[in-house]
Amino acid sequence: MTKTLIYSVVTNNYDSIKPVKKYEGFDFWLFTDQDNLKVDGWETKVLAAGDNPIKQQRLLKINSVENTPGYDVTIYMDGNMELIQNPKLFLDKYYKGGILTCQHPKRSSLKEEGKEILRKKKDMPENIEKTLEFAQKQGYKDDGGLFETMVLVRDKSQDVKNLEEKWSEILTTYSHRDQLSLPIASFVSGVKINTLPRPELFKYIKRNRGHNISLKFRKKESGGFWKWLGLGK
């Protein structure tokens, strides 16, 4: 029987991953730079510690085609997500091929996401600025919606490969916030993102409390860009 892979990536002790039950037809991989991390139900895949553990985690998250050989379909889950039902029920009901994730329940534009990233000090202001400037230069109108990427279901189709290549390229060059770069990658690659509402996802996979590390970055004085975001004085 063909198996589906469920995988997660935890670097720099960012999340406390939960044990998982065995489900027929599914394997579970945990990529981590902690060589002593063992969690029931997960097969540990030890990584060499990277110079930038944040981007290391994001790039493993994004590049499912490259990093999960032997599986036709994968489900990526953030380290703070936990299965609460048989994932086959979820796939049978919602997955029709390509890439599937959640539509963001609170925000719908890069501009809104940029404000939230800055409010929570999740990245450097200049990284957000450069990412949004890149999107504008590509002709992106900031009308493609926003996605909540805590869970990603993907196959190994050419569309998914094309999307992942562009997504990882943007994230490598600009902000490490993958929710900020996914709409841009979708626009540039021409690959549609299939979505479901968060309440439906949470019937099968729940989110536990926040991450272990809160990223704090310095403030930058307001200028034209910050006024455009609505954050300038």
Foldseek 3Di string as FASTA:
>chain_A
DAAEEEEEEDEPQWADAAAADDDPRYAYEYEYCPPPDDHHRYDYDHDPHDPDRLLVRLLCQLPCLVPPPRHFKYKYAYRQKYFDDRCVVVCVVDPDAAKEFAFDPPDFFLLVVLVVCVVLQVDDNVLSVVLVVVLVVLVNPRHQTWTDPRMMMHGNDPLSVQLSVQLSVSCVVGPSPSRSRNSSSCVVSVRDYHYDHPVVVCVTMNGHDGIPDRHHDDDDADDPVCVVSVNHD
